């Protein structure tokens, strides 16, 4: 039997000689993006602003570690450890000499101690390919400004790019604070922020623990606990209603429904876990005397609304397909923060498809703009919270939270006009929306198992390619990844076909077996006799104008 340990550990002890963290080569590289790093900082700031003695938990880590030894192989927790180190390094480099600068330096690098036989070395070692970079630009004092100034050619891995981008984003926030505010932040991180560290001396055991901790549907969920509170006050009829709602959605989506209901009621971002907030913000209004009302007027209607949104199954005598088309579009966005306002609309106006059509058009415009601008979680949820408050106050379709100000509209257009192909998360969404608009009143719904985004002018033309005659190196740099040069195909990529000359590519690569294109956007390209920088410039303006009109930018 391998000895298992689990302890709540404050970060001042996490970043101490008790642990010597290293990331094994089989782990994926550091991959957090700006959104996740920014969210971590927002969560920490929120804990600081509460200004109480309540501990703040950052979650759990799983380590392979023997009792009494510092050597710690990180199985789960790399992303947070790395981001926290970046955050501490930024505050260290912004601090005045001495004081917290020295304290933070010791949290990042073990200063060594001859009496204890401790060598001076970083507290955290990334994978071999990235460790020297991390040691040089993050863990070494005074190098963060150099880090954020590095251009892409100096970065050899995606992990190094993430380190630079996250350092830049976090520093842009922290550099605007005064010294005392930064001091309060790192004091809270050191003293009141905790990780639950799970240790085992055996790698197999560690992976089993990690799997169990991340498994879904095995343990009691918050929904199960809430059921015991509500159904315990009612008869079997209501137990059946509850169970039918769970079966209808499935266990995972049913559990998520409680997150959305909490948001609808509280109209603010969650500050604590669902088990703490849902009773206070929702159930306490109904228990003990109105338990049946909670099931009949909250749980069941919202579960039915969620099923219709998720399955694009709204039914009405008119405009039902328009409403379901909005649900299809919104489902392609990479977050579910838009769901609470959509659920509210279905709950309160589900019998009015005309109103729903207008509401969902506005909601999709807002969601798409934030998606394209890569607005991260906190400001995104604040926007939807404001919208829910305005809806509850009766503003309806005139809610100011729907409005995009001049800067938001301009930034949306700027992103659309940039190297769209390189923004992998948004490029297909933008092109599918554009394709729908180009289809006109006939509408278009694509149900292909594969839809890919392809270049007309290829990314890397061969040395003898006709493309090099039509496009200079500068022109290729300008146009290769922009909207005008992109099309949609319902097939997998073909690296050989991507380099065909224009006429051959049109007929062999862009046409389907039936001799037509499934996408109006691609059909436009087929209608061209040549592909030149001048044509792309005109096409870019036309496509941007089409999107700007559709989204009222």
Protein backbone atom coordinates (compact mmCIF):
# COMPACT_ATOMS: atom_id res chain seq x y z
CA UNK A 1 0.00 0.00 0.00
CA UNK A 2 1.48 3.33 -1.06
CA UNK A 3 1.10 6.13 1.41
CA UNK A 4 -1.21 8.88 0.19
CA UNK A 5 -1.11 12.42 1.58
CA UNK A 6 -3.46 15.36 1.06
CA UNK A 7 -2.87 18.69 2.76
CA UNK A 8 -3.97 22.32 2.50
CA UNK A 9 -0.74 24.22 1.92
CA UNK A 10 -0.36 28.03 1.84
CA UNK A 11 1.55 29.36 -1.15
CA UNK A 12 4.38 30.64 1.04
CA UNK A 13 5.04 26.95 1.84
CA UNK A 14 4.39 25.81 -1.75
CA UNK A 15 7.17 28.14 -2.93
CA UNK A 16 9.64 27.03 -0.28
CA UNK A 17 12.38 24.45 0.23
CA UNK A 18 9.67 21.91 1.12
CA UNK A 19 9.09 21.39 -2.62
CA UNK A 20 11.37 21.11 -5.63
CA UNK A 21 8.91 21.09 -8.52
CA UNK A 22 9.75 19.69 -11.95
CA UNK A 23 7.64 18.96 -15.00
CA UNK A 24 8.30 15.53 -16.54
CA UNK A 25 8.90 15.38 -20.30
CA UNK A 26 5.78 13.29 -20.92
CA UNK A 27 3.57 16.19 -19.75
CA UNK A 28 2.16 18.62 -22.28
CA UNK A 29 3.96 22.00 -22.37
CA UNK A 30 2.76 25.14 -20.64
CA UNK A 31 -0.36 26.15 -22.57
CA UNK A 32 -2.44 28.65 -20.61
CA UNK A 33 -3.59 31.58 -22.71
CA UNK A 34 -4.08 35.22 -21.78
CA UNK A 35 -7.71 34.60 -20.86
CA UNK A 36 -6.82 31.97 -18.26
CA UNK A 37 -3.91 33.96 -16.84
CA UNK A 38 -6.08 37.07 -16.61
CA UNK A 39 -8.82 35.09 -14.91
CA UNK A 40 -6.38 33.84 -12.29
CA UNK A 41 -5.34 37.42 -11.51
CA UNK A 42 -8.98 38.56 -11.38
CA UNK A 43 -9.82 35.80 -8.91
CA UNK A 44 -6.88 36.75 -6.70
CA UNK A 45 -7.81 40.44 -6.85
CA UNK A 46 -11.37 39.60 -5.85
CA UNK A 47 -10.03 37.69 -2.83
CA UNK A 48 -7.89 40.71 -1.86
CA UNK A 49 -10.84 43.08 -2.13
CA UNK A 50 -12.94 40.97 0.22
CA UNK A 51 -10.39 42.09 2.84
CA UNK A 52 -11.17 39.39 5.37
CA UNK A 53 -9.30 36.46 6.89
CA UNK A 54 -11.12 33.84 4.81
CA UNK A 55 -8.67 31.55 2.98
CA UNK A 56 -8.73 31.47 -0.81
CA UNK A 57 -8.33 28.05 -2.46
CA UNK A 58 -6.70 27.73 -5.86
CA UNK A 59 -7.65 24.08 -6.28
CA UNK A 60 -5.56 20.95 -6.07
CA UNK A 61 -2.23 19.58 -7.28
CA UNK A 62 -1.10 15.97 -7.66
CA UNK A 63 2.58 15.17 -7.08
CA UNK A 64 4.80 12.14 -7.02
CA UNK A 65 6.71 12.88 -3.81
CA UNK A 66 8.17 10.91 -0.92
CA UNK A 67 7.62 12.02 2.67
CA UNK A 68 10.40 14.29 3.87
CA UNK A 69 11.91 14.76 0.39
CA UNK A 70 11.56 18.00 -1.62
CA UNK A 71 11.71 16.33 -5.05
CA UNK A 72 8.22 16.79 -6.54
CA UNK A 73 7.17 15.45 -9.94
CA UNK A 74 4.14 17.46 -11.05
CA UNK A 75 1.32 15.30 -12.42
CA UNK A 76 -1.38 17.96 -12.21
CA UNK A 77 -0.88 21.66 -11.47
CA UNK A 78 1.76 22.77 -13.99
CA UNK A 79 -0.33 25.55 -15.52
CA UNK A 80 -1.12 27.26 -12.20
CA UNK A 81 2.41 26.88 -10.83
CA UNK A 82 3.92 28.40 -13.95
CA UNK A 83 1.43 31.27 -14.12
CA UNK A 84 1.84 32.05 -10.42
CA UNK A 85 5.62 32.15 -10.90
CA UNK A 86 5.18 34.61 -13.79
CA UNK A 87 2.86 36.75 -11.65
CA UNK A 88 5.26 36.80 -8.70
CA UNK A 89 8.18 37.63 -11.02
CA UNK A 90 6.32 40.62 -12.46
CA UNK A 91 5.57 42.04 -8.99
CA UNK A 92 9.18 41.32 -7.96
CA UNK A 93 10.57 43.30 -10.90
CA UNK A 94 8.17 46.20 -10.33
CA UNK A 95 9.02 46.44 -6.62
CA UNK A 96 11.61 48.73 -5.07
CA UNK A 97 14.90 47.08 -4.03
CA UNK A 98 14.74 45.20 -0.74
CA UNK A 99 11.46 44.40 1.03
CA UNK A 100 9.00 42.37 -1.00
CA UNK A 101 11.37 42.27 -3.98
CA UNK A 102 13.77 40.14 -1.95
CA UNK A 103 10.96 38.05 -0.44
CA UNK A 104 9.48 37.30 -3.84
CA UNK A 105 12.92 36.50 -5.20
CA UNK A 106 13.26 33.80 -2.55
CA UNK A 107 9.82 32.37 -3.42
CA UNK A 108 10.89 32.05 -7.07
CA UNK A 109 14.48 30.86 -6.57
CA UNK A 110 15.78 28.75 -3.70
CA UNK A 111 18.65 30.92 -2.41
CA UNK A 112 20.54 27.94 -1.08
CA UNK A 113 21.81 27.17 2.40
CA UNK A 114 25.15 25.51 3.08
CA UNK A 115 24.12 24.33 6.53
CA UNK A 116 21.06 22.58 5.09
CA UNK A 117 22.88 21.37 1.95
CA UNK A 118 20.47 23.32 -0.26
CA UNK A 119 21.69 24.46 -3.66
CA UNK A 120 20.59 27.77 -5.16
CA UNK A 121 18.11 26.86 -7.92
CA UNK A 122 14.63 27.70 -9.24
CA UNK A 123 11.65 26.38 -7.28
CA UNK A 124 10.05 25.22 -10.54
CA UNK A 125 11.74 23.52 -13.51
CA UNK A 126 9.71 23.37 -16.71
CA UNK A 127 10.23 20.78 -19.43
CA UNK A 128 13.81 20.72 -20.71
CA UNK A 129 12.99 22.52 -23.94
CA UNK A 130 11.60 25.57 -22.13
CA UNK A 131 13.43 25.60 -18.80
CA UNK A 132 16.45 27.70 -19.87
CA UNK A 133 14.09 30.28 -21.39
CA UNK A 134 11.93 30.37 -18.25
CA UNK A 135 14.99 30.59 -16.02
CA UNK A 136 16.46 33.46 -18.05
CA UNK A 137 13.42 35.67 -18.55
CA UNK A 138 11.12 34.89 -15.62
CA UNK A 139 13.03 33.47 -12.69
CA UNK A 140 16.10 35.70 -13.08
CA UNK A 141 15.39 39.11 -11.44
CA UNK A 142 14.98 42.11 -13.71
CA UNK A 143 14.34 40.29 -16.99
CA UNK A 144 10.54 40.48 -17.39
CA UNK A 145 10.65 43.67 -19.48
CA UNK A 146 13.03 41.94 -21.88
CA UNK A 147 10.67 38.98 -22.02
CA UNK A 148 7.63 40.95 -23.11
CA UNK A 149 9.69 42.79 -25.76
CA UNK A 150 10.71 39.54 -27.52
CA UNK A 151 9.29 39.08 -31.02
CA UNK A 152 7.92 35.80 -32.33
CA UNK A 153 11.14 34.85 -34.12
CA UNK A 154 12.94 34.69 -30.75
CA UNK A 155 10.41 32.18 -29.39
CA UNK A 156 11.15 28.55 -30.23
CA UNK A 157 8.02 26.88 -28.81
CA UNK A 158 4.35 27.59 -28.24
CA UNK A 159 5.02 27.41 -24.50
CA UNK A 160 7.53 30.26 -24.76
CA UNK A 161 4.98 32.32 -26.68
CA UNK A 162 2.40 31.66 -23.96
CA UNK A 163 4.91 32.69 -21.28
CA UNK A 164 5.62 35.95 -23.09
CA UNK A 165 1.98 36.73 -23.90
CA UNK A 166 0.77 36.03 -20.37
CA UNK A 167 3.60 38.02 -18.82
CA UNK A 168 2.75 40.95 -21.07
CA UNK A 169 -0.96 40.80 -20.24
CA UNK A 170 -0.42 40.48 -16.49
CA UNK A 171 2.21 43.23 -16.40
CA UNK A 172 -0.07 45.63 -18.31
CA UNK A 173 -2.52 45.31 -15.41
CA UNK A 174 -0.05 45.33 -12.53
CA UNK A 175 2.11 48.21 -13.77
CA UNK A 176 -0.90 50.51 -13.40
CA UNK A 177 -1.20 49.71 -9.68
CA UNK A 178 0.65 51.56 -6.97
CA UNK A 179 3.27 49.78 -4.86
CA UNK A 180 0.95 49.31 -1.90
CA UNK A 181 -1.73 47.60 -4.01
CA UNK A 182 0.81 45.16 -5.40
CA UNK A 183 2.10 44.56 -1.88
CA UNK A 184 -1.42 43.70 -0.66
CA UNK A 185 -1.84 41.27 -3.54
CA UNK A 186 1.35 39.29 -2.92
CA UNK A 187 0.80 39.29 0.86
CA UNK A 188 -2.62 37.74 0.29
CA UNK A 189 -1.11 35.24 -2.17
CA UNK A 190 1.56 34.31 0.36
CA UNK A 191 -0.55 34.09 3.50
CA UNK A 192 -4.20 33.43 2.57
CA UNK A 193 -4.00 31.50 -0.70
CA UNK A 194 -3.95 27.70 -0.42
CA UNK A 195 -3.52 24.67 -2.65
CA UNK A 196 -4.66 21.19 -1.72
CA UNK A 197 -1.57 19.11 -2.48
CA UNK A 198 -2.09 15.41 -2.99
CA UNK A 199 1.11 13.34 -2.84
CA UNK A 200 1.97 9.71 -3.44
CA UNK A 201 5.37 8.11 -3.95
CA UNK A 202 4.12 6.04 -6.90
CA UNK A 203 3.55 7.34 -10.45
CA UNK A 204 0.79 4.84 -11.23
CA UNK A 205 -1.05 5.81 -8.06
CA UNK A 206 -0.65 9.50 -8.88
CA UNK A 207 -2.22 9.06 -12.31
CA UNK A 208 -5.07 7.05 -10.82
CA UNK A 209 -5.72 9.83 -8.29
CA UNK A 210 -5.63 12.42 -11.05
CA UNK A 211 -8.13 10.43 -13.12
CA UNK A 212 -10.52 10.00 -10.20
CA UNK A 213 -10.30 13.70 -9.28
CA UNK A 214 -11.17 14.65 -12.86
CA UNK A 215 -13.82 12.01 -13.49
CA UNK A 216 -17.35 13.32 -13.89
CA UNK A 217 -20.58 11.76 -12.77
CA UNK A 218 -19.12 9.39 -10.18
CA UNK A 219 -19.45 11.36 -6.95
CA UNK A 220 -22.39 13.30 -5.61
CA UNK A 221 -22.80 16.53 -7.55
CA UNK A 222 -24.21 19.77 -6.09
CA UNK A 223 -27.43 18.93 -7.94
CA UNK A 224 -27.77 15.77 -5.87
CA UNK A 225 -27.36 17.73 -2.64
CA UNK A 226 -29.93 20.32 -3.74
CA UNK A 227 -32.34 17.53 -4.64
CA UNK A 228 -32.14 16.15 -1.12
CA UNK A 229 -33.00 19.58 0.29
CA UNK A 230 -35.96 20.17 -2.05
CA UNK A 231 -37.50 16.75 -2.61
CA UNK A 232 -37.25 15.87 1.08
CA UNK A 233 -40.02 18.40 1.62
CA UNK A 234 -42.27 17.05 -1.16
CA UNK A 235 -43.98 13.88 -2.37
CA UNK A 236 -43.00 11.31 -4.99
CA UNK A 237 -44.63 13.30 -7.82
CA UNK A 238 -41.95 15.97 -7.48
CA UNK A 239 -39.15 13.43 -7.18
CA UNK A 240 -40.34 12.11 -10.55
CA UNK A 241 -40.38 15.61 -12.07
CA UNK A 242 -36.82 16.20 -10.85
CA UNK A 243 -35.61 12.85 -12.20
CA UNK A 244 -37.30 13.41 -15.56
CA UNK A 245 -35.55 16.77 -15.92
CA UNK A 246 -32.19 15.15 -15.18
CA UNK A 247 -32.81 12.31 -17.65
CA UNK A 248 -33.90 14.80 -20.31
CA UNK A 249 -30.66 16.80 -20.08
CA UNK A 250 -28.24 14.08 -18.99
CA UNK A 251 -26.26 14.22 -15.76
CA UNK A 252 -23.54 16.59 -16.99
CA UNK A 253 -25.80 19.24 -18.56
CA UNK A 254 -28.25 18.96 -15.67
CA UNK A 255 -25.41 19.77 -13.25
CA UNK A 256 -24.45 22.78 -15.41
CA UNK A 257 -28.04 24.01 -15.39
CA UNK A 258 -27.70 24.94 -11.71
CA UNK A 259 -24.74 27.18 -12.58
CA UNK A 260 -26.88 29.01 -15.13
CA UNK A 261 -29.87 29.31 -12.80
CA UNK A 262 -27.60 30.76 -10.11
CA UNK A 263 -26.38 33.36 -12.60
CA UNK A 264 -29.93 34.26 -13.63
CA UNK A 265 -30.95 34.82 -10.00
CA UNK A 266 -27.76 36.44 -8.66
CA UNK A 267 -26.95 38.46 -11.81
CA UNK A 268 -23.27 38.53 -10.89
CA UNK A 269 -20.16 36.43 -11.35
CA UNK A 270 -19.72 33.58 -8.90
CA UNK A 271 -17.44 34.46 -5.99
CA UNK A 272 -17.58 31.11 -4.20
CA UNK A 273 -18.42 27.53 -5.09
CA UNK A 274 -21.92 26.52 -6.21
CA UNK A 275 -22.58 24.53 -3.03
CA UNK A 276 -22.17 27.74 -1.03
CA UNK A 277 -23.86 30.24 -3.33
CA UNK A 278 -26.83 28.38 -4.81
CA UNK A 279 -28.66 27.91 -1.49
CA UNK A 280 -28.08 31.55 -0.51
CA UNK A 281 -28.90 33.08 -3.88
CA UNK A 282 -31.67 30.75 -5.08
CA UNK A 283 -32.96 28.03 -2.77
CA UNK A 284 -33.39 30.16 0.35
CA UNK A 285 -36.12 32.06 -1.49
CA UNK A 286 -38.14 28.84 -1.82
CA UNK A 287 -37.36 26.67 1.18
CA UNK A 288 -39.01 25.39 3.20
CA UNK A 289 -42.47 26.60 2.26
CA UNK A 290 -42.22 26.94 -1.55
CA UNK A 291 -40.27 23.83 -2.58
CA UNK A 292 -42.92 22.80 -5.12
CA UNK A 293 -42.80 26.25 -6.67
CA UNK A 294 -39.04 25.90 -7.17
CA UNK A 295 -39.54 22.66 -9.11
CA UNK A 296 -42.55 23.87 -11.13
CA UNK A 297 -41.50 27.46 -11.85
CA UNK A 298 -37.71 27.26 -11.91
CA UNK A 299 -36.19 23.82 -12.37
CA UNK A 300 -38.54 22.27 -14.91
CA UNK A 301 -39.06 25.37 -17.14
CA UNK A 302 -35.35 26.12 -17.28
CA UNK A 303 -34.51 22.46 -17.97
CA UNK A 304 -37.00 22.45 -20.87
CA UNK A 305 -35.59 25.74 -22.17
CA UNK A 306 -32.04 24.39 -21.96
CA UNK A 307 -33.00 21.28 -23.92
CA UNK A 308 -34.52 23.39 -26.71
CA UNK A 309 -31.46 25.65 -26.87
CA UNK A 310 -28.97 22.78 -26.77
CA UNK A 311 -30.80 20.62 -29.33
CA UNK A 312 -31.96 23.52 -31.57
CA UNK A 313 -35.46 22.20 -30.89
CA UNK A 314 -37.56 25.35 -30.46
CA UNK A 315 -41.06 24.97 -31.88
CA UNK A 316 -43.51 27.70 -32.85
CA UNK A 317 -46.02 28.46 -35.58
CA UNK A 318 -43.64 31.00 -37.14
CA UNK A 319 -39.92 31.86 -37.10
CA UNK A 320 -38.98 28.67 -35.24
CA UNK A 321 -36.16 27.89 -37.67
CA UNK A 322 -34.81 31.44 -37.35
CA UNK A 323 -34.69 31.05 -33.58
CA UNK A 324 -32.98 27.66 -33.87
CA UNK A 325 -30.46 29.14 -36.32
CA UNK A 326 -29.42 31.64 -33.64
CA UNK A 327 -28.97 28.78 -31.19
CA UNK A 328 -26.77 26.96 -33.74
CA UNK A 329 -24.59 30.04 -34.18
CA UNK A 330 -24.24 30.72 -30.48
CA UNK A 331 -23.35 27.07 -29.80
CA UNK A 332 -20.21 27.50 -31.92
CA UNK A 333 -18.81 30.17 -29.58
CA UNK A 334 -16.11 28.81 -27.26
CA UNK A 335 -17.87 29.64 -23.98
CA UNK A 336 -21.32 29.17 -22.48
CA UNK A 337 -21.59 32.54 -20.73
CA UNK A 338 -24.33 33.62 -23.16
CA UNK A 339 -26.59 30.78 -21.97
CA UNK A 340 -28.13 32.43 -18.86
CA UNK A 341 -29.56 35.39 -20.85
CA UNK A 342 -30.77 32.96 -23.54
CA UNK A 343 -32.42 30.77 -20.89
CA UNK A 344 -34.04 33.84 -19.33
CA UNK A 345 -35.42 34.83 -22.73
CA UNK A 346 -36.81 31.36 -23.39
CA UNK A 347 -38.36 31.20 -19.91
CA UNK A 348 -40.06 34.58 -20.15
CA UNK A 349 -40.71 34.99 -23.90
CA UNK A 350 -40.70 31.43 -25.25
CA UNK A 351 -44.21 31.92 -26.62
CA UNK A 352 -43.15 34.94 -28.73
CA UNK A 353 -40.85 33.83 -31.59
CA UNK A 354 -40.72 37.34 -33.07
CA UNK A 355 -39.39 38.76 -29.80
CA UNK A 356 -36.98 35.83 -29.44
CA UNK A 357 -35.65 36.37 -32.96
CA UNK A 358 -34.90 40.01 -32.20
CA UNK A 359 -33.39 39.19 -28.81
CA UNK A 360 -31.14 36.43 -30.10
CA UNK A 361 -29.90 38.58 -32.98
CA UNK A 362 -28.72 41.16 -30.45
CA UNK A 363 -27.29 38.48 -28.15
CA UNK A 364 -25.34 36.84 -30.98
CA UNK A 365 -23.94 40.22 -32.06
CA UNK A 366 -22.69 40.89 -28.53
CA UNK A 367 -21.36 37.36 -28.05
CA UNK A 368 -19.66 37.29 -31.45
CA UNK A 369 -17.96 40.65 -30.88
CA UNK A 370 -16.58 39.54 -27.51
CA UNK A 371 -15.53 36.21 -29.07
CA UNK A 372 -13.71 37.92 -31.93
CA UNK A 373 -12.07 40.44 -29.59
CA UNK A 374 -11.06 37.54 -27.25
CA UNK A 375 -12.63 39.21 -24.22
CA UNK A 376 -11.81 36.97 -21.28
CA UNK A 377 -14.09 35.55 -18.63
CA UNK A 378 -14.51 38.29 -16.02
CA UNK A 379 -15.44 41.25 -18.28
CA UNK A 380 -17.51 38.88 -20.41
CA UNK A 381 -19.53 37.62 -17.43
CA UNK A 382 -19.89 41.17 -16.07
CA UNK A 383 -21.44 42.18 -19.40
CA UNK A 384 -23.95 39.35 -19.30
CA UNK A 385 -24.66 40.09 -15.63
CA UNK A 386 -25.52 43.68 -16.55
CA UNK A 387 -27.76 42.36 -19.30
CA UNK A 388 -29.62 40.08 -16.87
CA UNK A 389 -30.14 42.98 -14.46
CA UNK A 390 -31.50 45.15 -17.27
CA UNK A 391 -33.79 42.37 -18.49
CA UNK A 392 -35.15 41.87 -14.97
CA UNK A 393 -35.75 45.63 -14.79
CA UNK A 394 -37.87 45.50 -17.94
CA UNK A 395 -35.50 46.97 -20.55
CA UNK A 396 -35.99 44.03 -22.92
CA UNK A 397 -34.65 44.52 -26.44
CA UNK A 398 -33.54 48.05 -25.54
CA UNK A 399 -31.12 46.87 -22.82
CA UNK A 400 -28.00 49.09 -22.90
CA UNK A 401 -25.80 46.06 -22.21
CA UNK A 402 -26.45 44.95 -25.80
CA UNK A 403 -24.77 48.09 -27.13
CA UNK A 404 -21.21 48.05 -28.46
CA UNK A 405 -19.41 51.35 -27.97
CA UNK A 406 -17.25 52.93 -30.68
CA UNK A 407 -14.04 51.34 -29.38
CA UNK A 408 -15.60 47.87 -29.21
CA UNK A 409 -16.93 48.16 -32.75
CA UNK A 410 -13.59 49.44 -34.05
CA UNK A 411 -11.65 46.66 -32.32
CA UNK A 412 -14.02 44.03 -33.74
CA UNK A 413 -13.43 45.36 -37.26
CA UNK A 414 -9.67 45.52 -36.63
CA UNK A 415 -9.62 41.86 -35.64
CA UNK A 416 -11.70 40.91 -38.70
CA UNK A 417 -9.32 42.86 -40.93
CA UNK A 418 -6.20 41.21 -39.50
CA UNK A 419 -4.59 37.77 -40.08
CA UNK A 420 -7.82 35.95 -39.30
CA UNK A 421 -6.54 32.49 -40.22
CA UNK A 422 -4.00 32.63 -37.40
CA UNK A 423 -6.78 33.07 -34.82
CA UNK A 424 -7.79 29.43 -34.83
CA UNK A 425 -10.65 29.74 -32.33
CA UNK A 426 -12.58 32.39 -34.26
CA UNK A 427 -11.76 31.94 -37.93
CA UNK A 428 -14.35 29.26 -38.75
CA UNK A 429 -17.09 31.08 -36.85
CA UNK A 430 -16.45 34.29 -38.80
CA UNK A 431 -16.35 32.53 -42.17
CA UNK A 432 -19.52 30.53 -41.50
CA UNK A 433 -21.38 33.69 -40.47
CA UNK A 434 -20.11 35.47 -43.56
CA UNK A 435 -21.15 32.53 -45.71
CA UNK A 436 -24.67 32.66 -44.23
CA UNK A 437 -24.99 36.35 -45.04
CA UNK A 438 -23.74 35.83 -48.60
CA UNK A 439 -26.41 33.14 -49.05
CA UNK A 440 -29.03 35.89 -48.64
CA UNK A 441 -32.69 35.33 -47.93
CA UNK A 442 -32.48 31.69 -49.00
CA UNK A 443 -30.47 31.01 -45.85
CA UNK A 444 -27.98 28.20 -45.44
CA UNK A 445 -27.49 25.49 -42.87
CA UNK A 446 -24.40 23.32 -43.11
CA UNK A 447 -24.47 19.87 -41.59
CA UNK A 448 -21.12 18.52 -42.74
CA UNK A 449 -19.04 16.34 -40.44
CA UNK A 450 -15.94 18.21 -41.63
CA UNK A 451 -15.63 21.90 -42.47
CA UNK A 452 -12.15 23.30 -42.98
CA UNK A 453 -10.78 26.79 -43.57
CA UNK A 454 -8.47 26.89 -46.59
CA UNK A 455 -6.21 29.43 -48.32
CA UNK A 456 -6.56 30.35 -51.97
CA UNK A 457 -3.07 31.84 -52.21
CA UNK A 458 -1.18 29.02 -50.42
CA UNK A 459 0.86 29.59 -47.29
CA UNK A 460 4.09 28.20 -48.74
CA UNK A 461 4.13 28.25 -52.57
CA UNK A 462 6.81 26.08 -54.17
CA UNK A 463 9.86 27.74 -55.71
CA UNK A 464 8.61 27.21 -59.30
CA UNK A 465 5.00 28.14 -58.51
CA UNK A 466 3.05 30.65 -60.60
CA UNK A 467 1.91 32.17 -57.32
CA UNK A 468 5.38 33.71 -56.91
CA UNK A 469 4.91 35.58 -60.19
CA UNK A 470 1.56 37.00 -59.12
CA UNK A 471 2.51 37.88 -55.53
CA UNK A 472 5.67 39.45 -54.18
CA UNK A 473 6.94 38.34 -50.78
CA UNK A 474 5.48 41.52 -49.29
CA UNK A 475 2.09 40.89 -50.92
CA UNK A 476 2.05 37.32 -49.60
CA UNK A 477 2.84 38.64 -46.14
CA UNK A 478 -0.06 41.08 -46.44
CA UNK A 479 -2.74 38.79 -47.85
CA UNK A 480 -2.08 35.10 -47.10
CA UNK A 481 -3.96 34.86 -43.80
CA UNK A 482 -6.60 37.57 -44.25
CA UNK A 483 -10.32 37.18 -44.80
CA UNK A 484 -10.26 37.80 -48.56
CA UNK A 485 -7.92 34.86 -49.16
CA UNK A 486 -9.89 32.29 -47.13
CA UNK A 487 -12.60 29.84 -48.18
CA UNK A 488 -14.58 27.00 -46.62
CA UNK A 489 -14.43 23.38 -47.76
CA UNK A 490 -16.27 20.29 -46.55
CA UNK A 491 -13.23 18.04 -46.75
CA UNK A 492 -9.96 17.47 -44.98
CA UNK A 493 -6.84 19.38 -45.95
CA UNK A 494 -4.72 18.15 -48.85
CA UNK A 495 -1.20 19.52 -48.56
CA UNK A 496 -0.36 18.75 -52.18
CA UNK A 497 -3.52 20.31 -53.60
CA UNK A 498 -3.06 23.47 -51.53
CA UNK A 499 -0.15 24.45 -53.78
CA UNK A 500 -1.92 24.07 -57.14
CA UNK A 501 -1.98 27.14 -59.36
CA UNK A 502 -5.23 29.11 -59.27
CA UNK A 503 -7.08 27.50 -62.20
CA UNK A 504 -6.14 23.95 -61.20
CA UNK A 505 -6.96 24.62 -57.55
CA UNK A 506 -10.43 25.93 -58.42
CA UNK A 507 -11.41 22.84 -60.34
CA UNK A 508 -9.58 20.09 -58.47
CA UNK A 509 -9.72 21.35 -54.89
CA UNK A 510 -12.53 23.87 -54.41
CA UNK A 511 -15.27 22.00 -56.30
CA UNK A 512 -17.11 19.02 -54.86
CA UNK A 513 -17.55 15.78 -56.75
CA UNK A 514 -20.87 17.07 -58.09
CA UNK A 515 -19.10 20.04 -59.65
CA UNK A 516 -20.40 22.75 -57.31
CA UNK A 517 -19.35 24.34 -54.02
CA UNK A 518 -21.46 23.94 -50.91
CA UNK A 519 -20.41 27.40 -49.71
CA UNK A 520 -21.38 30.74 -51.31
CA UNK A 521 -18.10 32.19 -50.05
CA UNK A 522 -16.17 29.59 -52.02
CA UNK A 523 -18.42 29.98 -55.07
CA UNK A 524 -17.37 33.62 -55.25
CA UNK A 525 -13.77 32.50 -55.67
CA UNK A 526 -14.72 30.03 -58.41
CA UNK A 527 -16.22 32.92 -60.36
CA UNK A 528 -12.86 34.73 -60.55
CA UNK A 529 -10.58 34.32 -63.57
CA UNK A 530 -7.46 35.36 -61.67
CA UNK A 531 -6.26 35.88 -58.10
CA UNK A 532 -4.21 39.03 -57.61
CA UNK A 533 -3.35 41.52 -54.84
CA UNK A 534 -5.65 44.10 -56.43
CA UNK A 535 -8.57 41.67 -56.43
CA UNK A 536 -7.88 40.73 -52.82
CA UNK A 537 -7.86 44.35 -51.73
CA UNK A 538 -11.28 44.91 -53.31
CA UNK A 539 -12.61 41.63 -51.96
CA UNK A 540 -11.37 42.38 -48.43
CA UNK A 541 -13.27 45.66 -48.36
CA UNK A 542 -16.45 44.03 -49.65
CA UNK A 543 -16.37 41.16 -47.17
CA UNK A 544 -15.57 43.44 -44.25
CA UNK A 545 -18.45 45.70 -45.24
CA UNK A 546 -20.76 42.67 -45.38
CA UNK A 547 -19.84 41.63 -41.84
CA UNK A 548 -19.93 45.19 -40.54
CA UNK A 549 -23.48 45.60 -41.86
CA UNK A 550 -24.60 42.21 -40.46
CA UNK A 551 -23.22 43.01 -36.99
CA UNK A 552 -23.93 46.77 -37.16
CA UNK A 553 -20.28 47.67 -36.60
